[in-house]
Amino acid sequence: MVEDKREKFLKVYANVPDSLREDIIVVVDDKTYTWNAVYFEIKNNTTLSRKILKVLVNNQTI
């Protein structure tokens, strides 16, 4: 299930224009994360990436 969320995010990220990748897309634990920061976390499958994916899914961002 987490892999499906990861794949979905990576597909969405691939379609985000470079000019928007520094925009904030999520707040987790009172910290803001841009498209690029989230991509790094998800690509590296960090513990933080699971939290980020949960928030993105709950907010229907992905």
N, C-alpha and C. Protein backbone atom coordinates (compact mmCIF):
# COMPACT_ATOMS: atom_id res chain seq x y z
N MET A 1 0.82 -1.20 0.00
CA MET A 1 0.00 0.00 0.00
C MET A 1 0.87 1.26 0.00
N VAL A 2 1.91 1.27 0.81
CA VAL A 2 2.81 2.42 0.83
C VAL A 2 3.48 2.57 -0.53
N GLU A 3 3.83 1.44 -1.15
CA GLU A 3 4.47 1.49 -2.47
C GLU A 3 3.55 2.12 -3.50
N ASP A 4 2.26 1.83 -3.43
CA ASP A 4 1.30 2.44 -4.35
C ASP A 4 1.27 3.96 -4.18
N LYS A 5 1.30 4.41 -2.94
CA LYS A 5 1.29 5.85 -2.66
C LYS A 5 2.58 6.49 -3.16
N ARG A 6 3.69 5.80 -2.96
CA ARG A 6 4.98 6.31 -3.44
C ARG A 6 4.96 6.45 -4.95
N GLU A 7 4.52 5.41 -5.63
CA GLU A 7 4.47 5.44 -7.09
C GLU A 7 3.56 6.54 -7.59
N LYS A 8 2.43 6.71 -6.94
CA LYS A 8 1.49 7.76 -7.35
C LYS A 8 2.12 9.13 -7.20
N PHE A 9 2.79 9.37 -6.06
CA PHE A 9 3.45 10.65 -5.86
C PHE A 9 4.50 10.88 -6.94
N LEU A 10 5.33 9.88 -7.21
CA LEU A 10 6.40 10.03 -8.19
C LEU A 10 5.85 10.36 -9.58
N LYS A 11 4.71 9.79 -9.93
CA LYS A 11 4.07 10.10 -11.21
C LYS A 11 3.57 11.55 -11.23
N VAL A 12 2.97 11.98 -10.14
CA VAL A 12 2.48 13.36 -10.05
C VAL A 12 3.67 14.32 -10.11
N TYR A 13 4.71 14.02 -9.35
CA TYR A 13 5.90 14.87 -9.31
C TYR A 13 6.50 15.05 -10.70
N ALA A 14 6.53 13.98 -11.47
CA ALA A 14 7.11 14.05 -12.82
C ALA A 14 6.38 15.05 -13.70
N ASN A 15 5.12 15.31 -13.41
CA ASN A 15 4.33 16.23 -14.21
C ASN A 15 4.28 17.65 -13.65
N VAL A 16 4.90 17.88 -12.51
CA VAL A 16 4.93 19.22 -11.92
C VAL A 16 6.01 20.04 -12.63
N PRO A 17 5.67 21.21 -13.13
CA PRO A 17 6.68 22.04 -13.80
C PRO A 17 7.82 22.42 -12.85
N ASP A 18 9.01 22.51 -13.39
CA ASP A 18 10.18 22.85 -12.58
C ASP A 18 9.98 24.14 -11.80
N SER A 19 9.27 25.08 -12.38
CA SER A 19 9.07 26.37 -11.72
C SER A 19 8.20 26.27 -10.46
N LEU A 20 7.49 25.18 -10.28
CA LEU A 20 6.63 25.01 -9.10
C LEU A 20 7.22 24.09 -8.04
N ARG A 21 8.33 23.47 -8.34
CA ARG A 21 8.88 22.46 -7.44
C ARG A 21 9.45 23.02 -6.14
N GLU A 22 9.60 24.32 -6.05
CA GLU A 22 10.04 24.93 -4.78
C GLU A 22 8.85 25.44 -3.97
N ASP A 23 7.65 25.20 -4.45
CA ASP A 23 6.44 25.58 -3.71
C ASP A 23 6.17 24.57 -2.60
N ILE A 24 5.66 25.05 -1.50
CA ILE A 24 5.31 24.19 -0.36
C ILE A 24 4.05 23.41 -0.70
N ILE A 25 4.09 22.10 -0.43
CA ILE A 25 2.90 21.28 -0.69
C ILE A 25 2.35 20.61 0.55
N VAL A 26 3.15 20.56 1.63
CA VAL A 26 2.68 19.85 2.81
C VAL A 26 3.35 20.40 4.07
N VAL A 27 2.61 20.31 5.18
CA VAL A 27 3.14 20.66 6.49
C VAL A 27 3.02 19.42 7.37
N VAL A 28 4.16 18.99 7.91
CA VAL A 28 4.19 17.81 8.78
C VAL A 28 4.96 18.20 10.03
N ASP A 29 4.37 17.95 11.18
CA ASP A 29 5.00 18.28 12.46
C ASP A 29 5.46 19.74 12.50
N ASP A 30 4.59 20.62 12.01
CA ASP A 30 4.83 22.07 12.00
C ASP A 30 6.02 22.50 11.13
N LYS A 31 6.44 21.65 10.21
CA LYS A 31 7.51 21.98 9.27
C LYS A 31 6.93 21.92 7.86
N THR A 32 7.38 22.87 7.02
CA THR A 32 6.89 22.91 5.64
C THR A 32 7.85 22.17 4.72
N TYR A 33 7.28 21.56 3.68
CA TYR A 33 8.07 20.79 2.72
C TYR A 33 7.64 21.14 1.30
N THR A 34 8.64 21.36 0.45
CA THR A 34 8.39 21.67 -0.96
C THR A 34 8.28 20.37 -1.75
N TRP A 35 7.88 20.52 -3.01
CA TRP A 35 7.83 19.35 -3.90
C TRP A 35 9.18 18.65 -3.91
N ASN A 36 10.27 19.43 -4.04
CA ASN A 36 11.61 18.82 -4.12
C ASN A 36 12.00 18.11 -2.82
N ALA A 37 11.68 18.70 -1.68
CA ALA A 37 12.01 18.08 -0.40
C ALA A 37 11.22 16.78 -0.22
N VAL A 38 9.96 16.82 -0.59
CA VAL A 38 9.12 15.63 -0.48
C VAL A 38 9.62 14.54 -1.43
N TYR A 39 9.99 14.95 -2.63
CA TYR A 39 10.54 13.98 -3.60
C TYR A 39 11.76 13.29 -3.02
N PHE A 40 12.68 14.05 -2.43
CA PHE A 40 13.88 13.49 -1.83
C PHE A 40 13.53 12.46 -0.75
N GLU A 41 12.61 12.83 0.14
CA GLU A 41 12.21 11.93 1.23
C GLU A 41 11.57 10.65 0.70
N ILE A 42 10.67 10.80 -0.26
CA ILE A 42 9.95 9.64 -0.79
C ILE A 42 10.87 8.76 -1.63
N LYS A 43 11.71 9.37 -2.43
CA LYS A 43 12.65 8.61 -3.26
C LYS A 43 13.58 7.77 -2.39
N ASN A 44 13.97 8.31 -1.23
CA ASN A 44 14.87 7.61 -0.32
C ASN A 44 14.14 6.76 0.72
N ASN A 45 12.81 6.73 0.62
CA ASN A 45 11.98 5.88 1.48
C ASN A 45 12.29 6.07 2.96
N THR A 46 12.33 7.32 3.40
CA THR A 46 12.64 7.64 4.79
C THR A 46 11.40 7.46 5.69
N THR A 47 11.64 7.47 6.97
CA THR A 47 10.53 7.41 7.93
C THR A 47 9.62 8.62 7.73
N LEU A 48 10.21 9.78 7.51
CA LEU A 48 9.43 11.00 7.28
C LEU A 48 8.54 10.86 6.04
N SER A 49 9.01 10.13 5.04
CA SER A 49 8.21 9.99 3.82
C SER A 49 6.86 9.31 4.10
N ARG A 50 6.83 8.40 5.06
CA ARG A 50 5.56 7.74 5.39
C ARG A 50 4.57 8.73 5.99
N LYS A 51 5.07 9.62 6.84
CA LYS A 51 4.22 10.66 7.42
C LYS A 51 3.72 11.61 6.33
N ILE A 52 4.63 12.00 5.45
CA ILE A 52 4.27 12.91 4.37
C ILE A 52 3.21 12.29 3.48
N LEU A 53 3.41 11.04 3.09
CA LEU A 53 2.43 10.36 2.23
C LEU A 53 1.07 10.28 2.90
N LYS A 54 1.06 10.01 4.19
CA LYS A 54 -0.21 9.93 4.91
C LYS A 54 -0.96 11.27 4.85
N VAL A 55 -0.23 12.36 5.07
CA VAL A 55 -0.85 13.69 5.01
C VAL A 55 -1.34 13.99 3.59
N LEU A 56 -0.52 13.69 2.60
CA LEU A 56 -0.90 13.95 1.21
C LEU A 56 -2.15 13.17 0.80
N VAL A 57 -2.23 11.93 1.23
CA VAL A 57 -3.42 11.12 0.92
C VAL A 57 -4.64 11.66 1.66
N ASN A 58 -4.47 11.98 2.94
CA ASN A 58 -5.60 12.51 3.72
C ASN A 58 -6.12 13.83 3.15
N ASN A 59 -5.22 14.64 2.59
CA ASN A 59 -5.61 15.91 2.00
C ASN A 59 -6.02 15.76 0.52
N GLN A 60 -6.01 14.54 0.05
CA GLN A 60 -6.36 14.22 -1.34
C GLN A 60 -5.47 14.94 -2.33
N THR A 61 -4.22 15.17 -1.96
CA THR A 61 -3.25 15.78 -2.85
C THR A 61 -2.77 14.76 -3.88
N ILE A 62 -2.66 13.51 -3.45
CA ILE A 62 -2.32 12.44 -4.38
C ILE A 62 -3.34 11.34 -4.27
